[in-house]
Amino acid sequence: MTVKKEIPASSFRIRILVPSLTVLAVLLVLWPAIVRTDTLPVPGTESSAGSTTDAWLVTRGLIGHGMVGEQSDRSAMTPPPGVEVDEVQQTEDRSGEIVMRAKWWNEVVGDDTVHVEVTTLSSNQFQVAFWLLPNHRQGCTMYQWTLYDHGRALQSMFWRNDATVLRMAGAPDLPHDLYPDAVPWMAFLRVLDSPREGARGALHQQITPYSYVGQEVSAKGTEQVSVPAGSFSALKVIARVDVATIMPNWPRFVLDVIKPFVPKVTLYFESTPPYRLLRQQGSTFVGGPEVTTQLVRFYIAGVQPGTPAVQIPAAPDAAALGGSSNSK
C-alpha cells in the first residue's frame, strides 16, 4: 500500500501510534521545559513479564535482533492463523489525503495479551509496534516500536513497566497501571470499568522520566456509525487530558478555567463484543491536522481475503478488557 504524501520521519511515531496527542499539546503550552520521551532510562530486566514471555517475544520476532536487524520486511510480521485482524485507514479531514494504513491483532501469551500493529506510511516506510497487556489488571507491561525505511531499521523505542527502575531520584512515585507515551486505541476501552454508557476511567502515560499524565476517559452513549467495514451500533468514548496531573500544585479554579480548552479525542467502538475500533476523530499529534481513522475491514487470519469475517462467539470478560474490578 502507498501513501499519497511523504511524511517527515520526526512525525512518524506520534502520528501513528496513538496519541499522547492531547497530553503533549497541553505540555507544550504550559510546561515547555519538559524533556523528550526518548530520554527515558534504560529498561530494567525485571517486571511482570517474566523470562518465558521475553523468550516468546524474541522467538516471535518482536524484540531482539530480528526486530532491528539490517533488513526487515513488513510481510515478515504476520498474524497467526485463527486470530482476527482489523485494518484501518487514516485520512486528513481537510484534503482527504491518506495519512497511513494499519492492521492490528491480538495474541494471547499466558495471562497476557500482545497487541501488534503494522503500519504502512509510504511505499518504503513502515513501522511495527507491540504492547504487552496484562489480562487481570490495568496498565501495560512492555512496549516496543520500530520504524523502517526500505526494510532497514531507522529508529526504535523500548519501554518496560518496572516501577523501581523507571522512578528517578526526586521524582514522585509512578502509578502501577502505567502506559508508555504511545498507546493503542484499545487502551481507552480497557480503562473503563465496563464498555457501557456512563462508564469512566483514567489512563496514565509516562511522558518523561519524572512525570506522567492522566487522561479522563468516559463513555457517552451509543449511536449508529457507518464506516467502510459496515454499519454498527457504536459506543462513543471521549478522552481528555486531566490537567491536574500535569500541574498538581496549581489552584483548582485555574485548572477549571483551562480544562474546557484542552483538546479531546473522540472514539467509536463497536458496542458489542469484540468491541472493534470503528472510528477515531481528532488530531493525533501536536500541531497536526484533524484526521479521521476508520475501520476498513476485518477478517480471520488464514481465511482467504474477501471471505466474511467469522462472528466472534463469546464476549471477553472484564479481566480480558482490563476491567477495574481486577485492577491493582
Protein backbone atom coordinates (compact mmCIF):
# COMPACT_ATOMS: atom_id res chain seq x y z
CA MET A 1 0.00 0.00 0.00
CA THR A 2 1.18 3.54 -0.64
CA VAL A 3 0.62 6.86 1.00
CA LYS A 4 -0.03 9.85 -1.20
CA LYS A 5 2.28 12.17 0.67
CA GLU A 6 5.66 11.54 2.27
CA ILE A 7 5.68 12.21 6.00
CA PRO A 8 8.70 13.67 7.83
CA ALA A 9 10.45 10.97 9.84
CA SER A 10 10.25 13.02 13.02
CA SER A 11 6.46 12.83 12.99
CA PHE A 12 6.05 9.10 12.40
CA ARG A 13 5.85 7.91 15.95
CA ILE A 14 3.28 10.35 17.26
CA ARG A 15 1.26 10.33 14.07
CA ILE A 16 0.52 6.63 14.03
CA LEU A 17 0.95 5.23 17.46
CA VAL A 18 -1.96 6.72 19.09
CA PRO A 19 -1.92 9.67 20.83
CA SER A 20 -0.40 11.26 23.61
CA LEU A 21 -1.72 13.94 21.40
CA THR A 22 -3.82 15.89 23.83
CA VAL A 23 -1.30 15.18 26.56
CA LEU A 24 1.58 16.68 24.65
CA ALA A 25 -0.43 19.61 23.36
CA VAL A 26 -1.08 20.78 26.89
CA LEU A 27 2.51 20.15 27.91
CA LEU A 28 3.94 22.21 25.10
CA VAL A 29 1.75 25.15 26.00
CA LEU A 30 2.02 25.01 29.75
CA TRP A 31 5.24 23.17 30.55
CA PRO A 32 7.81 23.78 27.76
CA ALA A 33 10.79 22.67 29.87
CA ILE A 34 9.73 19.01 29.80
CA VAL A 35 12.38 16.73 28.25
CA ARG A 36 11.79 14.36 25.35
CA THR A 37 10.38 10.91 25.96
CA ASP A 38 13.37 9.44 24.15
CA THR A 39 15.46 10.16 27.26
CA LEU A 40 13.66 7.53 29.31
CA PRO A 41 16.06 5.37 31.35
CA VAL A 42 17.25 2.02 30.06
CA PRO A 43 14.57 -0.58 30.87
CA GLY A 44 15.10 -2.97 33.74
CA THR A 45 15.24 -6.71 33.44
CA GLU A 46 12.51 -7.48 35.96
CA SER A 47 8.80 -6.83 35.60
CA SER A 48 5.52 -8.70 35.50
CA ALA A 49 6.68 -10.07 32.14
CA GLY A 50 8.89 -13.00 33.05
CA SER A 51 11.70 -14.67 31.15
CA THR A 52 9.26 -17.08 29.48
CA THR A 53 7.31 -14.21 27.97
CA ASP A 54 10.51 -12.45 26.96
CA ALA A 55 11.68 -15.62 25.22
CA TRP A 56 8.35 -15.87 23.38
CA LEU A 57 8.67 -12.26 22.21
CA VAL A 58 12.18 -12.95 20.89
CA THR A 59 11.01 -16.09 19.09
CA ARG A 60 8.06 -14.18 17.65
CA GLY A 61 10.47 -11.56 16.30
CA LEU A 62 9.01 -8.71 18.35
CA ILE A 63 12.15 -7.98 20.37
CA GLY A 64 15.81 -8.77 19.86
CA HIS A 65 17.96 -8.67 16.75
CA GLY A 66 15.17 -9.76 14.45
CA MET A 67 13.32 -6.55 15.21
CA VAL A 68 16.15 -4.11 14.48
CA GLY A 69 18.37 -6.11 12.14
CA GLU A 70 19.84 -4.66 8.98
CA GLN A 71 16.94 -5.81 6.82
CA SER A 72 13.31 -6.48 7.59
CA ASP A 73 10.08 -6.61 5.65
CA ARG A 74 6.57 -5.64 6.72
CA SER A 75 5.33 -9.01 5.48
CA ALA A 76 7.65 -10.76 7.94
CA MET A 77 5.33 -9.81 10.80
CA THR A 78 2.11 -11.68 10.10
CA PRO A 79 -0.74 -12.73 12.38
CA PRO A 80 -1.03 -16.39 13.36
CA PRO A 81 -3.89 -18.37 11.80
CA GLY A 82 -7.23 -18.03 13.55
CA VAL A 83 -6.89 -14.54 15.06
CA GLU A 84 -8.99 -11.61 13.92
CA VAL A 85 -7.16 -8.89 12.01
CA ASP A 86 -8.55 -5.35 11.80
CA GLU A 87 -7.45 -2.99 9.03
CA VAL A 88 -7.88 0.77 9.28
CA GLN A 89 -7.13 3.78 7.13
CA GLN A 90 -6.44 7.31 8.35
CA THR A 91 -7.18 10.36 6.20
CA GLU A 92 -6.67 14.08 6.65
CA ASP A 93 -10.07 15.72 7.08
CA ARG A 94 -9.37 18.84 5.03
CA SER A 95 -7.73 17.30 1.96
CA GLY A 96 -8.92 13.71 2.13
CA GLU A 97 -5.33 12.53 1.63
CA ILE A 98 -4.34 9.17 3.09
CA VAL A 99 -2.03 9.53 6.08
CA MET A 100 -1.48 5.87 6.87
CA ARG A 101 -2.89 2.36 6.68
CA ALA A 102 -2.56 -0.10 9.54
CA LYS A 103 -3.54 -3.57 10.57
CA TRP A 104 -3.56 -4.98 14.08
CA TRP A 105 -4.37 -8.11 16.01
CA ASN A 106 -4.07 -9.66 19.47
CA GLU A 107 -2.15 -12.75 20.54
CA VAL A 108 -2.52 -14.41 23.94
CA VAL A 109 0.63 -15.37 25.84
CA GLY A 110 -0.06 -16.94 29.23
CA ASP A 111 -2.01 -14.38 31.26
CA ASP A 112 -1.16 -11.53 28.90
CA THR A 113 -2.40 -10.16 25.59
CA VAL A 114 0.10 -8.95 23.00
CA HIS A 115 -1.38 -6.24 20.78
CA VAL A 116 0.56 -5.95 17.50
CA GLU A 117 0.31 -3.12 14.95
CA VAL A 118 1.92 -3.00 11.50
CA THR A 119 1.57 0.37 9.80
CA THR A 120 2.31 1.48 6.25
CA LEU A 121 3.38 5.12 5.99
CA SER A 122 4.64 5.17 2.40
CA SER A 123 5.77 2.73 -0.27
CA ASN A 124 9.11 2.32 1.50
CA GLN A 125 8.38 3.22 5.11
CA PHE A 126 6.56 1.17 7.70
CA GLN A 127 6.63 0.54 11.42
CA VAL A 128 5.91 -2.32 13.78
CA ALA A 129 4.83 -1.91 17.39
CA PHE A 130 3.56 -4.12 20.17
CA TRP A 131 2.13 -3.65 23.66
CA LEU A 132 2.17 -6.42 26.27
CA LEU A 133 -1.07 -6.00 28.23
CA PRO A 134 -1.86 -7.99 31.40
CA ASN A 135 -5.33 -9.54 31.30
CA HIS A 136 -6.02 -9.30 35.04
CA ARG A 137 -5.01 -5.74 35.82
CA GLN A 138 -4.75 -2.33 34.24
CA GLY A 139 -1.75 -0.82 32.50
CA CYS A 140 0.93 -2.03 30.10
CA THR A 141 3.86 -4.32 30.91
CA MET A 142 6.08 -3.79 27.88
CA TYR A 143 6.13 -1.78 24.66
CA GLN A 144 8.35 -1.53 21.60
CA TRP A 145 8.13 0.48 18.41
CA THR A 146 10.46 0.31 15.39
CA LEU A 147 10.46 2.45 12.25
CA TYR A 148 11.80 1.02 8.97
CA ASP A 149 12.75 2.54 5.63
CA HIS A 150 13.46 0.24 2.68
CA GLY A 151 13.50 -2.62 5.22
CA ARG A 152 16.23 -1.01 7.35
CA ALA A 153 15.53 -0.06 10.95
CA LEU A 154 15.83 3.71 11.44
CA GLN A 155 14.55 4.30 14.97
CA SER A 156 13.39 2.16 17.85
CA MET A 157 11.87 2.74 21.27
CA PHE A 158 11.65 0.15 24.07
CA TRP A 159 9.79 0.61 27.37
CA ARG A 160 9.18 -1.74 30.27
CA ASN A 161 6.89 -1.02 33.21
CA ASP A 162 9.34 -1.52 36.05
CA ALA A 163 8.41 0.92 38.81
CA THR A 164 11.75 0.60 40.61
CA VAL A 165 13.87 1.33 37.55
CA LEU A 166 11.59 3.91 35.96
CA ARG A 167 11.45 6.05 39.09
CA MET A 168 14.16 8.71 39.12
CA ALA A 169 15.64 10.18 42.30
CA GLY A 170 13.46 13.02 43.49
CA ALA A 171 10.55 12.07 41.25
CA PRO A 172 7.11 11.12 42.57
CA ASP A 173 6.03 7.50 42.55
CA LEU A 174 4.59 6.37 39.23
CA PRO A 175 1.20 4.61 39.03
CA HIS A 176 1.29 0.84 38.67
CA ASP A 177 -1.29 0.99 35.87
CA LEU A 178 1.14 2.92 33.67
CA TYR A 179 1.31 3.05 29.88
CA PRO A 180 4.17 4.40 27.72
CA ASP A 181 3.85 7.68 25.84
CA ALA A 182 2.16 5.89 22.92
CA VAL A 183 -0.87 3.70 23.43
CA PRO A 184 -3.07 1.56 21.18
CA TRP A 185 -6.68 2.59 20.67
CA MET A 186 -7.90 -0.38 22.71
CA ALA A 187 -6.26 1.12 25.83
CA PHE A 188 -9.04 3.70 26.01
CA LEU A 189 -11.61 0.91 26.21
CA ARG A 190 -9.60 -1.15 28.70
CA VAL A 191 -9.57 1.62 31.31
CA LEU A 192 -13.37 1.72 31.53
CA ASP A 193 -14.92 -0.35 34.31
CA SER A 194 -17.03 -1.91 31.54
CA PRO A 195 -17.82 -0.94 27.93
CA ARG A 196 -21.18 0.73 28.63
CA GLU A 197 -22.79 4.15 28.62
CA GLY A 198 -21.72 6.20 31.62
CA ALA A 199 -18.55 4.20 32.25
CA ARG A 200 -15.49 6.18 33.31
CA GLY A 201 -11.80 5.51 33.74
CA ALA A 202 -8.34 7.06 33.73
CA LEU A 203 -5.38 6.28 31.51
CA HIS A 204 -1.90 7.12 32.87
CA GLN A 205 1.00 7.66 30.45
CA GLN A 206 4.65 8.24 31.31
CA ILE A 207 5.91 11.13 29.20
CA THR A 208 9.20 11.99 30.93
CA PRO A 209 11.47 10.21 33.42
CA TYR A 210 9.98 12.43 36.13
CA SER A 211 6.33 12.63 35.31
CA TYR A 212 3.19 11.09 33.95
CA VAL A 213 -0.12 12.50 32.84
CA GLY A 214 -3.62 11.15 33.08
CA GLN A 215 -6.40 11.15 30.54
CA GLU A 216 -10.01 11.16 31.68
CA VAL A 217 -11.95 8.64 29.62
CA SER A 218 -15.74 8.44 29.56
CA ALA A 219 -18.38 6.61 27.53
CA LYS A 220 -21.14 8.96 26.37
CA GLY A 221 -23.69 6.61 24.86
CA THR A 222 -24.40 4.60 21.73
CA GLU A 223 -25.20 5.67 18.19
CA GLN A 224 -25.21 4.17 14.72
CA VAL A 225 -21.91 4.60 12.86
CA SER A 226 -21.14 3.74 9.24
CA VAL A 227 -17.56 3.03 8.14
CA PRO A 228 -16.11 1.23 5.10
CA ALA A 229 -16.35 -2.07 7.02
CA GLY A 230 -20.11 -1.66 7.53
CA SER A 231 -22.73 -0.10 9.78
CA PHE A 232 -22.55 -0.74 13.52
CA SER A 233 -24.03 0.25 16.85
CA ALA A 234 -21.16 2.19 18.41
CA LEU A 235 -20.19 3.25 21.91
CA LYS A 236 -18.92 6.83 21.84
CA VAL A 237 -15.85 7.36 24.04
CA ILE A 238 -14.26 10.73 24.85
CA ALA A 239 -10.68 11.11 26.12
CA ARG A 240 -9.36 14.39 27.52
CA VAL A 241 -6.19 15.26 29.44
CA ASP A 242 -6.56 15.59 33.20
CA VAL A 243 -4.72 18.88 33.64
CA ALA A 244 -4.46 18.28 37.39
CA THR A 245 -1.90 15.54 36.73
CA ILE A 246 0.23 18.00 34.77
CA MET A 247 0.02 20.81 37.32
CA PRO A 248 -0.89 19.18 40.65
CA ASN A 249 0.05 22.28 42.64
CA TRP A 250 -1.95 24.79 40.65
CA PRO A 251 -5.15 26.22 42.18
CA ARG A 252 -8.28 24.30 41.30
CA PHE A 253 -10.04 27.37 39.90
CA VAL A 254 -7.19 27.90 37.40
CA LEU A 255 -7.42 24.29 36.24
CA ASP A 256 -11.18 24.67 35.84
CA VAL A 257 -10.57 27.62 33.52
CA ILE A 258 -8.05 25.69 31.43
CA LYS A 259 -9.98 22.43 31.17
CA PRO A 260 -12.57 23.48 28.54
CA PHE A 261 -9.75 24.43 26.15
CA VAL A 262 -7.96 21.09 26.37
CA PRO A 263 -8.34 19.14 23.08
CA LYS A 264 -10.24 15.88 23.12
CA VAL A 265 -10.20 12.68 21.13
CA THR A 266 -13.45 11.02 20.11
CA LEU A 267 -13.50 7.27 19.53
CA TYR A 268 -16.28 4.96 18.45
CA PHE A 269 -16.08 1.32 19.47
CA GLU A 270 -18.47 -1.42 18.46
CA SER A 271 -20.99 -1.60 21.32
CA THR A 272 -20.95 -5.40 21.45
CA PRO A 273 -18.07 -7.92 21.57
CA PRO A 274 -15.39 -7.90 20.30
CA TYR A 275 -15.61 -4.08 20.65
CA ARG A 276 -13.68 -3.22 17.49
CA LEU A 277 -12.49 0.35 16.98
CA LEU A 278 -14.75 1.77 14.28
CA ARG A 279 -13.68 5.40 14.06
CA GLN A 280 -11.38 7.97 15.66
CA GLN A 281 -11.67 11.71 15.15
CA GLY A 282 -9.23 14.45 16.14
CA SER A 283 -5.59 15.40 15.78
CA THR A 284 -3.12 12.62 16.53
CA PHE A 285 -0.04 14.75 17.12
CA VAL A 286 0.84 18.22 18.35
CA GLY A 287 0.01 20.90 15.81
CA GLY A 288 -1.14 18.31 13.31
CA PRO A 289 -4.23 18.38 11.12
CA GLU A 290 -7.56 16.91 12.10
CA VAL A 291 -7.71 13.32 10.90
CA THR A 292 -10.24 10.51 10.83
CA THR A 293 -9.32 6.85 11.28
CA GLN A 294 -11.88 4.29 10.12
CA LEU A 295 -12.20 0.52 10.11
CA VAL A 296 -11.89 -0.68 6.53
CA ARG A 297 -12.32 -4.41 7.03
CA PHE A 298 -11.78 -7.26 9.48
CA TYR A 299 -11.11 -10.91 8.83
CA ILE A 300 -9.74 -14.08 10.35
CA ALA A 301 -6.06 -14.73 9.57
CA GLY A 302 -5.63 -17.76 7.37
CA VAL A 303 -9.01 -17.26 5.68
CA GLN A 304 -8.96 -16.12 2.07
CA PRO A 305 -9.25 -12.28 1.90
CA GLY A 306 -12.74 -11.22 0.95
CA THR A 307 -14.34 -14.00 2.96
CA PRO A 308 -16.77 -12.58 5.54
CA ALA A 309 -15.26 -12.45 9.00
CA VAL A 310 -16.27 -15.17 11.39
CA GLN A 311 -18.54 -13.92 14.16
CA ILE A 312 -16.73 -13.94 17.49
CA PRO A 313 -18.85 -16.30 19.61
CA ALA A 314 -18.03 -15.26 23.16
CA ALA A 315 -17.65 -11.89 24.84
CA PRO A 316 -14.38 -11.21 26.62
CA ASP A 317 -14.79 -10.94 30.36
CA ALA A 318 -13.89 -7.86 32.37
CA ALA A 319 -10.40 -9.21 33.01
CA ALA A 320 -9.66 -9.55 29.32
CA LEU A 321 -10.59 -5.90 28.83
CA GLY A 322 -8.53 -4.87 31.82
CA GLY A 323 -11.62 -4.08 33.89
CA SER A 324 -11.10 -2.06 37.05
CA SER A 325 -12.67 -4.79 39.16
CA ASN A 326 -9.43 -6.72 38.77
CA SER A 327 -7.02 -3.82 38.64
CA LYS A 328 -4.20 -3.39 41.08
